[in-house]
């Protein structure tokens, strides 16, 4: 059952802070899914899942064309999926924030002058790590 981001409780927040990759799903021009492994971060205050990437990547092109994305993190039987409208931001402050959060969860990202950030405004949440209703 899909829920809203306010259902992300302590157990889910802990899972989101662990070092795990996730899949990012966007749609290609022909409507088929493009699924890639990514690192992502969760900003609960803003309700945003962020993925740092680079200008011209397929995921960037897909988001700019379709505007919806899904990230799903899995570790054994634990999983969490975050869905919502997405946008690509090139604003220097947004890119720095995306890099800062990525570094805190994973590692310092390599310098990339073509860096952009995909921001998913999470509207739907599903997962085994959500607190029971």
Protein backbone atom coordinates (compact mmCIF):
# COMPACT_ATOMS: atom_id res chain seq x y z
CA UNK A 1 0.00 0.00 0.00
CA UNK A 2 1.43 3.39 -1.00
CA UNK A 3 1.73 6.01 1.70
CA UNK A 4 2.87 9.61 1.98
CA UNK A 5 6.35 10.84 3.00
CA UNK A 6 5.14 11.66 6.51
CA UNK A 7 4.97 7.89 7.10
CA UNK A 8 8.79 7.71 7.01
CA UNK A 9 9.48 6.86 10.65
CA UNK A 10 12.63 6.10 12.64
CA UNK A 11 13.18 2.63 11.15
CA UNK A 12 12.94 3.96 7.58
CA UNK A 13 15.16 6.96 8.39
CA UNK A 14 17.81 4.62 9.77
CA UNK A 15 17.59 2.52 6.59
CA UNK A 16 17.94 5.68 4.48
CA UNK A 17 21.12 6.63 6.34
CA UNK A 18 22.84 3.28 5.76
CA UNK A 19 25.33 2.82 2.93
CA UNK A 20 23.21 1.22 0.21
CA UNK A 21 22.81 1.91 -3.47
CA UNK A 22 19.36 2.07 -5.02
CA UNK A 23 17.75 1.89 -8.43
CA UNK A 24 16.48 5.00 -10.17
CA UNK A 25 13.71 4.46 -12.69
CA UNK A 26 12.82 7.05 -15.32
CA UNK A 27 11.11 6.68 -18.69
CA UNK A 28 12.84 6.75 -22.05
CA UNK A 29 11.40 8.62 -25.01
CA UNK A 30 9.63 5.43 -26.18
CA UNK A 31 8.04 4.96 -22.74
CA UNK A 32 10.19 2.00 -21.70
CA UNK A 33 11.77 2.08 -18.24
CA UNK A 34 15.39 3.14 -17.79
CA UNK A 35 16.63 1.60 -14.53
CA UNK A 36 20.11 2.35 -13.18
CA UNK A 37 21.98 1.89 -9.92
CA UNK A 38 22.54 5.18 -8.08
CA UNK A 39 23.48 6.64 -4.75
CA UNK A 40 20.78 8.95 -3.43
CA UNK A 41 20.00 10.99 -0.36
CA UNK A 42 16.80 11.79 1.52
CA UNK A 43 15.97 15.29 2.76
CA UNK A 44 12.95 14.83 5.00
CA UNK A 45 12.46 18.55 5.66
CA UNK A 46 12.18 19.32 1.95
CA UNK A 47 10.56 15.99 1.04
CA UNK A 48 13.23 15.44 -1.62
CA UNK A 49 15.21 12.44 -2.78
CA UNK A 50 18.34 13.68 -4.56
CA UNK A 51 20.57 11.98 -7.12
CA UNK A 52 23.75 13.65 -8.30
CA UNK A 53 24.62 13.00 -11.93
CA UNK A 54 25.96 14.85 -14.97
CA UNK A 55 24.61 16.97 -17.78
CA UNK A 56 23.56 14.85 -20.75
CA UNK A 57 23.16 11.55 -18.88
CA UNK A 58 20.23 9.40 -19.97
CA UNK A 59 18.55 9.84 -16.59
CA UNK A 60 18.85 13.61 -16.88
CA UNK A 61 17.35 13.58 -20.37
CA UNK A 62 14.51 11.32 -19.23
CA UNK A 63 13.62 13.48 -16.22
CA UNK A 64 13.64 16.64 -18.30
CA UNK A 65 11.31 15.01 -20.81
CA UNK A 66 9.03 13.07 -18.46
CA UNK A 67 9.31 14.61 -15.05
CA UNK A 68 8.57 11.53 -12.89
CA UNK A 69 11.03 9.21 -11.15
CA UNK A 70 11.27 6.40 -8.62
CA UNK A 71 14.16 5.40 -6.35
CA UNK A 72 14.08 2.02 -4.64
CA UNK A 73 16.59 0.84 -2.04
CA UNK A 74 16.80 -2.88 -1.22
CA UNK A 75 18.86 -4.78 1.34
CA UNK A 76 17.83 -8.40 1.75
CA UNK A 77 14.19 -8.36 2.85
CA UNK A 78 14.24 -4.67 3.71
CA UNK A 79 13.19 -2.20 1.03
CA UNK A 80 11.89 1.32 0.52
CA UNK A 81 10.55 2.99 -2.62
CA UNK A 82 10.14 6.76 -3.06
CA UNK A 83 8.13 8.13 -6.02
CA UNK A 84 7.23 11.54 -7.32
CA UNK A 85 7.62 14.28 -9.88
CA UNK A 86 11.24 15.02 -10.63
CA UNK A 87 13.25 17.90 -11.98
CA UNK A 88 16.85 18.57 -12.92
CA UNK A 89 18.52 21.50 -11.21
CA UNK A 90 21.75 23.15 -12.26
CA UNK A 91 21.65 25.91 -9.65
CA UNK A 92 25.08 26.05 -7.97
CA UNK A 93 23.58 26.09 -4.46
CA UNK A 94 21.41 23.04 -5.25
CA UNK A 95 24.39 21.19 -6.75
CA UNK A 96 26.52 21.96 -3.67
CA UNK A 97 23.72 20.75 -1.39
CA UNK A 98 23.35 17.55 -3.42
CA UNK A 99 27.10 16.94 -3.27
CA UNK A 100 27.24 17.69 0.47
CA UNK A 101 24.48 15.22 1.24
CA UNK A 102 26.01 12.58 -1.05
CA UNK A 103 29.39 12.97 0.70
CA UNK A 104 27.73 12.55 4.11
CA UNK A 105 26.06 9.28 3.10
CA UNK A 106 28.60 7.75 0.71
CA UNK A 107 31.89 9.51 -0.02
CA UNK A 108 33.15 12.80 -1.40
CA UNK A 109 32.06 12.88 -5.06
CA UNK A 110 34.71 13.40 -7.71
CA UNK A 111 34.79 16.94 -9.09
CA UNK A 112 32.58 17.27 -12.15
CA UNK A 113 31.97 20.63 -13.82
CA UNK A 114 28.94 19.08 -15.61
CA UNK A 115 27.27 18.06 -12.33
CA UNK A 116 23.49 18.41 -12.03
CA UNK A 117 21.06 17.14 -9.41
CA UNK A 118 17.85 15.23 -9.95
CA UNK A 119 15.36 16.19 -7.24
CA UNK A 120 12.36 13.94 -6.70
CA UNK A 121 9.51 15.60 -4.79
CA UNK A 122 8.34 12.45 -3.04
CA UNK A 123 4.57 11.94 -3.02
CA UNK A 124 4.31 8.17 -2.57
CA UNK A 125 6.26 5.85 -0.29
CA UNK A 126 6.18 2.05 -0.07
CA UNK A 127 8.35 -0.34 1.85
CA UNK A 128 8.95 -3.03 4.39
CA UNK A 129 10.75 -0.57 6.71
CA UNK A 130 7.72 1.69 7.22
CA UNK A 131 6.02 1.65 10.60
CA UNK A 132 2.69 -0.24 10.60
CA UNK A 133 -0.44 1.82 10.06
